[in-house]
Amino acid sequence: MKGFQYIVVTLLAVGLAGCDSDKEYADLQAFMDEVRSSPKGAIEAMPKEEVYEPFTYLAATYRSPFQPPVKIELSNRAKGDVDIKPDETRVRQFLEGFNIENFVMVGTLANTAGTYALVRGGDGVHRVGIGDYIGTNHGRIVAITAAGIEVVEIVSDGDGGWLERPRTLALQERS
């Protein structure tokens, strides 16, 4: 049995002698030494932060681009009347700060003092009566019916005169 143990120990010693790492992995060790000695890569600087500048929309008082333009023939165009002009001395009402296209009639109210209309727009529902002004074109309410509000606007004719333009705000059902 002792002979068997000597044989196993001898074979084990010969096997371990063949695992010398200096000879087999010399090329791998040389490559690793070369990679370790090369200069390290530099990290790119972060791009400069762009400051956000908000856009202010200043064309709110102009005609909406989603509505067709009004065609005016120069030869048959109505001339403004010298007697028609907006009263620039009166105090402007709250609803004159909004475009008339933003308003919708939603109902009427009546009492002993008169008939009033309810219009939605301009940040809420407002009660208006005959003689009140609405819209940016000096629109004055001239009549209130169950079907709508009659408004007369005073607009420039382009030649320094003024024209009266009638407009109706119809009642919107199921609002």
C-alpha atoms as a PDB file:
ATOM      1  CA  MET A   1       0.000   0.000   0.000  1.00  0.00           C
ATOM      2  CA  LYS A   2       2.945   2.253   0.658  1.00  0.00           C
ATOM      3  CA  GLY A   3       4.044   1.760  -2.920  1.00  0.00           C
ATOM      4  CA  PHE A   4       0.681   2.928  -4.161  1.00  0.00           C
ATOM      5  CA  GLN A   5       0.938   6.101  -2.080  1.00  0.00           C
ATOM      6  CA  TYR A   6       4.403   6.862  -3.522  1.00  0.00           C
ATOM      7  CA  ILE A   7       3.064   6.488  -7.032  1.00  0.00           C
ATOM      8  CA  VAL A   8       0.124   8.859  -6.395  1.00  0.00           C
ATOM      9  CA  VAL A   9       2.372  11.465  -4.766  1.00  0.00           C
ATOM     10  CA  THR A  10       4.866  11.247  -7.642  1.00  0.00           C
ATOM     11  CA  LEU A  11       2.146  11.644 -10.293  1.00  0.00           C
ATOM     12  CA  LEU A  12       0.698  14.578  -8.409  1.00  0.00           C
ATOM     13  CA  ALA A  13       4.102  16.286  -8.205  1.00  0.00           C
ATOM     14  CA  VAL A  14       4.707  15.774 -11.947  1.00  0.00           C
ATOM     15  CA  GLY A  15       1.228  17.119 -12.752  1.00  0.00           C
ATOM     16  CA  LEU A  16       1.715  20.246 -10.669  1.00  0.00           C
ATOM     17  CA  ALA A  17       5.112  20.873 -12.226  1.00  0.00           C
ATOM     18  CA  GLY A  18       3.414  21.095 -15.656  1.00  0.00           C
ATOM     19  CA  CYS A  19       1.146  23.961 -14.480  1.00  0.00           C
ATOM     20  CA  ASP A  20       3.856  26.586 -14.471  1.00  0.00           C
ATOM     21  CA  SER A  21       2.056  29.864 -15.326  1.00  0.00           C
ATOM     22  CA  ASP A  22       5.201  31.761 -16.336  1.00  0.00           C
ATOM     23  CA  LYS A  23       5.593  29.907 -19.616  1.00  0.00           C
ATOM     24  CA  GLU A  24       2.024  29.503 -20.927  1.00  0.00           C
ATOM     25  CA  TYR A  25       0.575  32.964 -20.126  1.00  0.00           C
ATOM     26  CA  ALA A  26       3.563  35.161 -20.896  1.00  0.00           C
ATOM     27  CA  ASP A  27       1.860  36.728 -23.947  1.00  0.00           C
ATOM     28  CA  LEU A  28      -1.342  37.439 -21.984  1.00  0.00           C
ATOM     29  CA  GLN A  29       0.657  39.009 -19.161  1.00  0.00           C
ATOM     30  CA  ALA A  30       2.538  41.204 -21.666  1.00  0.00           C
ATOM     31  CA  PHE A  31      -0.753  42.417 -23.205  1.00  0.00           C
ATOM     32  CA  MET A  32      -2.215  43.243 -19.787  1.00  0.00           C
ATOM     33  CA  ASP A  33       0.959  45.158 -18.815  1.00  0.00           C
ATOM     34  CA  GLU A  34       0.727  47.135 -22.075  1.00  0.00           C
ATOM     35  CA  VAL A  35      -2.947  48.024 -21.467  1.00  0.00           C
ATOM     36  CA  ARG A  36      -2.256  49.066 -17.885  1.00  0.00           C
ATOM     37  CA  SER A  37       0.638  51.304 -18.929  1.00  0.00           C
ATOM     38  CA  SER A  38      -1.354  53.131 -21.678  1.00  0.00           C
ATOM     39  CA  PRO A  39      -2.866  56.532 -20.710  1.00  0.00           C
ATOM     40  CA  LYS A  40      -6.404  56.504 -19.395  1.00  0.00           C
ATOM     41  CA  GLY A  41      -9.205  57.988 -21.573  1.00  0.00           C
ATOM     42  CA  ALA A  42     -10.597  61.433 -20.826  1.00  0.00           C
ATOM     43  CA  ILE A  43     -14.302  61.968 -20.195  1.00  0.00           C
ATOM     44  CA  GLU A  44     -15.900  64.563 -22.467  1.00  0.00           C
ATOM     45  CA  ALA A  45     -17.211  67.673 -20.830  1.00  0.00           C
ATOM     46  CA  MET A  46     -20.995  67.955 -20.516  1.00  0.00           C
ATOM     47  CA  PRO A  47     -22.659  70.122 -23.142  1.00  0.00           C
ATOM     48  CA  LYS A  48     -23.453  73.658 -22.080  1.00  0.00           C
ATOM     49  CA  GLU A  49     -26.965  73.998 -20.675  1.00  0.00           C
ATOM     50  CA  GLU A  50     -29.299  76.020 -22.877  1.00  0.00           C
ATOM     51  CA  VAL A  51     -31.403  78.485 -20.972  1.00  0.00           C
ATOM     52  CA  TYR A  52     -35.118  78.225 -21.870  1.00  0.00           C
ATOM     53  CA  GLU A  53     -36.615  81.502 -22.994  1.00  0.00           C
ATOM     54  CA  PRO A  54     -40.431  81.483 -22.869  1.00  0.00           C
ATOM     55  CA  PHE A  55     -42.322  82.714 -25.929  1.00  0.00           C
ATOM     56  CA  THR A  56     -44.876  85.447 -25.372  1.00  0.00           C
ATOM     57  CA  TYR A  57     -47.723  85.360 -27.871  1.00  0.00           C
ATOM     58  CA  LEU A  58     -48.559  88.944 -28.759  1.00  0.00           C
ATOM     59  CA  ALA A  59     -51.006  88.408 -31.624  1.00  0.00           C
ATOM     60  CA  ALA A  60     -54.088  87.641 -29.511  1.00  0.00           C
ATOM     61  CA  THR A  61     -55.879  90.780 -30.712  1.00  0.00           C
ATOM     62  CA  TYR A  62     -55.483  89.948 -34.410  1.00  0.00           C
ATOM     63  CA  ARG A  63     -57.821  87.887 -36.585  1.00  0.00           C
ATOM     64  CA  SER A  64     -57.632  84.168 -35.874  1.00  0.00           C
ATOM     65  CA  PRO A  65     -55.646  82.320 -38.572  1.00  0.00           C
ATOM     66  CA  PHE A  66     -58.293  79.592 -38.501  1.00  0.00           C
ATOM     67  CA  GLN A  67     -61.040  81.909 -39.783  1.00  0.00           C
ATOM     68  CA  PRO A  68     -61.228  82.847 -43.442  1.00  0.00           C
ATOM     69  CA  PRO A  69     -60.228  86.445 -44.179  1.00  0.00           C
ATOM     70  CA  VAL A  70     -62.926  88.976 -45.011  1.00  0.00           C
ATOM     71  CA  LYS A  71     -62.828  89.937 -48.701  1.00  0.00           C
ATOM     72  CA  ILE A  72     -63.353  93.630 -49.346  1.00  0.00           C
ATOM     73  CA  GLU A  73     -63.624  94.921 -52.884  1.00  0.00           C
ATOM     74  CA  LEU A  74     -62.042  98.344 -53.096  1.00  0.00           C
ATOM     75  CA  SER A  75     -64.387  99.659 -55.825  1.00  0.00           C
ATOM     76  CA  ASN A  76     -67.650  98.811 -54.021  1.00  0.00           C
ATOM     77  CA  ARG A  77     -66.391  99.286 -50.501  1.00  0.00           C
ATOM     78  CA  ALA A  78     -68.621 101.250 -48.185  1.00  0.00           C
ATOM     79  CA  LYS A  79     -67.156 104.495 -46.989  1.00  0.00           C
ATOM     80  CA  GLY A  80     -67.257 105.337 -43.329  1.00  0.00           C
ATOM     81  CA  ASP A  81     -69.674 107.932 -42.034  1.00  0.00           C
ATOM     82  CA  VAL A  82     -68.269 110.985 -40.286  1.00  0.00           C
ATOM     83  CA  ASP A  83     -71.072 110.811 -37.713  1.00  0.00           C
ATOM     84  CA  ILE A  84     -70.151 107.245 -36.702  1.00  0.00           C
ATOM     85  CA  LYS A  85     -67.177 106.936 -34.401  1.00  0.00           C
ATOM     86  CA  PRO A  86     -66.487 105.164 -31.123  1.00  0.00           C
ATOM     87  CA  ASP A  87     -66.755 107.134 -27.889  1.00  0.00           C
ATOM     88  CA  GLU A  88     -63.156 107.122 -26.670  1.00  0.00           C
ATOM     89  CA  THR A  89     -63.994 109.133 -23.530  1.00  0.00           C
ATOM     90  CA  ARG A  90     -66.245 106.511 -21.898  1.00  0.00           C
ATOM     91  CA  VAL A  91     -64.923 104.011 -19.384  1.00  0.00           C
ATOM     92  CA  ARG A  92     -64.332 100.646 -21.021  1.00  0.00           C
ATOM     93  CA  GLN A  93     -66.245  97.696 -19.579  1.00  0.00           C
ATOM     94  CA  PHE A  94     -64.709  94.383 -18.511  1.00  0.00           C
ATOM     95  CA  LEU A  95     -66.077  92.342 -21.440  1.00  0.00           C
ATOM     96  CA  GLU A  96     -64.475  94.706 -23.961  1.00  0.00           C
ATOM     97  CA  GLY A  97     -61.108  93.176 -23.136  1.00  0.00           C
ATOM     98  CA  PHE A  98     -62.030  89.917 -24.922  1.00  0.00           C
ATOM     99  CA  ASN A  99     -62.665  89.069 -28.556  1.00  0.00           C
ATOM    100  CA  ILE A 100     -66.376  88.721 -29.336  1.00  0.00           C
ATOM    101  CA  GLU A 101     -65.784  85.306 -30.931  1.00  0.00           C
ATOM    102  CA  ASN A 102     -64.964  83.996 -27.438  1.00  0.00           C
ATOM    103  CA  PHE A 103     -68.495  84.670 -26.169  1.00  0.00           C
ATOM    104  CA  VAL A 104     -71.473  82.324 -26.393  1.00  0.00           C
ATOM    105  CA  MET A 105     -75.005  83.143 -25.270  1.00  0.00           C
ATOM    106  CA  VAL A 106     -76.196  80.497 -22.789  1.00  0.00           C
ATOM    107  CA  GLY A 107     -79.489  81.914 -21.531  1.00  0.00           C
ATOM    108  CA  THR A 108     -81.709  84.856 -20.620  1.00  0.00           C
ATOM    109  CA  LEU A 109     -83.021  86.368 -17.402  1.00  0.00           C
ATOM    110  CA  ALA A 110     -86.009  88.684 -17.041  1.00  0.00           C
ATOM    111  CA  ASN A 111     -87.331  90.737 -14.150  1.00  0.00           C
ATOM    112  CA  THR A 112     -89.141  94.018 -13.659  1.00  0.00           C
ATOM    113  CA  ALA A 113     -85.964  95.945 -14.479  1.00  0.00           C
ATOM    114  CA  GLY A 114     -85.644  94.351 -17.938  1.00  0.00           C
ATOM    115  CA  THR A 115     -84.299  91.418 -19.892  1.00  0.00           C
ATOM    116  CA  TYR A 116     -80.713  90.290 -19.520  1.00  0.00           C
ATOM    117  CA  ALA A 117     -78.628  87.721 -21.372  1.00  0.00           C
ATOM    118  CA  LEU A 118     -76.102  85.291 -19.946  1.00  0.00           C
ATOM    119  CA  VAL A 119     -72.907  84.973 -21.960  1.00  0.00           C
ATOM    120  CA  ARG A 120     -70.098  82.525 -21.325  1.00  0.00           C
ATOM    121  CA  GLY A 121     -66.552  83.610 -22.066  1.00  0.00           C
ATOM    122  CA  GLY A 122     -63.962  85.909 -20.606  1.00  0.00           C
ATOM    123  CA  ASP A 123     -63.291  83.631 -17.630  1.00  0.00           C
ATOM    124  CA  GLY A 124     -66.865  82.856 -16.594  1.00  0.00           C
ATOM    125  CA  VAL A 125     -70.562  83.498 -17.189  1.00  0.00           C
ATOM    126  CA  HIS A 126     -71.620  87.153 -17.246  1.00  0.00           C
ATOM    127  CA  ARG A 127     -74.961  88.958 -17.204  1.00  0.00           C
ATOM    128  CA  VAL A 128     -75.298  91.632 -19.898  1.00  0.00           C
ATOM    129  CA  GLY A 129     -78.088  94.029 -20.740  1.00  0.00           C
ATOM    130  CA  ILE A 130     -79.088  96.349 -23.537  1.00  0.00           C
ATOM    131  CA  GLY A 131     -76.553  99.158 -23.817  1.00  0.00           C
ATOM    132  CA  ASP A 132     -73.635  97.139 -22.413  1.00  0.00           C
ATOM    133  CA  TYR A 133     -70.446  96.852 -24.454  1.00  0.00           C
ATOM    134  CA  ILE A 134     -68.826  93.561 -25.440  1.00  0.00           C
ATOM    135  CA  GLY A 135     -65.853  92.630 -27.620  1.00  0.00           C
ATOM    136  CA  THR A 136     -62.794  94.546 -28.773  1.00  0.00           C
ATOM    137  CA  ASN A 137     -64.533  96.414 -31.644  1.00  0.00           C
ATOM    138  CA  HIS A 138     -66.702  98.729 -29.516  1.00  0.00           C
ATOM    139  CA  GLY A 139     -69.639  96.286 -29.746  1.00  0.00           C
ATOM    140  CA  ARG A 140     -72.826  97.650 -28.121  1.00  0.00           C
ATOM    141  CA  ILE A 141     -75.746  95.355 -27.304  1.00  0.00           C
ATOM    142  CA  VAL A 142     -78.881  96.748 -28.968  1.00  0.00           C
ATOM    143  CA  ALA A 143     -81.383  93.895 -28.497  1.00  0.00           C
ATOM    144  CA  ILE A 144     -81.799  90.719 -26.465  1.00  0.00           C
ATOM    145  CA  THR A 145     -84.205  87.990 -27.544  1.00  0.00           C
ATOM    146  CA  ALA A 146     -84.687  84.400 -26.490  1.00  0.00           C
ATOM    147  CA  ALA A 147     -82.808  83.332 -29.637  1.00  0.00           C
ATOM    148  CA  GLY A 148     -79.786  85.622 -29.432  1.00  0.00           C
ATOM    149  CA  ILE A 149     -78.105  88.924 -28.736  1.00  0.00           C
ATOM    150  CA  GLU A 150     -77.944  91.655 -31.382  1.00  0.00           C
ATOM    151  CA  VAL A 151     -74.670  93.600 -31.253  1.00  0.00           C
ATOM    152  CA  VAL A 152     -73.560  96.560 -33.355  1.00  0.00           C
ATOM    153  CA  GLU A 153     -69.781  96.888 -33.651  1.00  0.00           C
ATOM    154  CA  ILE A 154     -67.972 100.016 -34.788  1.00  0.00           C
ATOM    155  CA  VAL A 155     -65.022  99.097 -37.017  1.00  0.00           C
ATOM    156  CA  SER A 156     -62.582 101.156 -39.033  1.00  0.00           C
ATOM    157  CA  ASP A 157     -63.146 101.335 -42.788  1.00  0.00           C
ATOM    158  CA  GLY A 158     -59.394 101.659 -43.430  1.00  0.00           C
ATOM    159  CA  ASP A 159     -59.627 105.245 -44.746  1.00  0.00           C
ATOM    160  CA  GLY A 160     -59.968 106.993 -41.418  1.00  0.00           C
ATOM    161  CA  GLY A 161     -63.745 106.540 -41.169  1.00  0.00           C
ATOM    162  CA  TRP A 162     -65.878 104.134 -39.157  1.00  0.00           C
ATOM    163  CA  LEU A 163     -68.576 101.622 -40.099  1.00  0.00           C
ATOM    164  CA  GLU A 164     -71.289  99.954 -38.032  1.00  0.00           C
ATOM    165  CA  ARG A 165     -71.252  96.193 -38.405  1.00  0.00           C
ATOM    166  CA  PRO A 166     -74.173  94.157 -37.002  1.00  0.00           C
ATOM    167  CA  ARG A 167     -73.433  90.828 -35.345  1.00  0.00           C
ATOM    168  CA  THR A 168     -75.601  88.228 -33.625  1.00  0.00           C
ATOM    169  CA  LEU A 169     -74.597  85.957 -30.764  1.00  0.00           C
ATOM    170  CA  ALA A 170     -76.979  83.025 -31.091  1.00  0.00           C
ATOM    171  CA  LEU A 171     -78.187  80.979 -28.133  1.00  0.00           C
ATOM    172  CA  GLN A 172     -76.138  77.839 -27.715  1.00  0.00           C
ATOM    173  CA  GLU A 173     -78.344  74.946 -26.727  1.00  0.00           C
ATOM    174  CA  ARG A 174     -77.081  72.073 -24.558  1.00  0.00           C
ATOM    175  CA  SER A 175     -73.983  73.848 -23.314  1.00  0.00           C
END
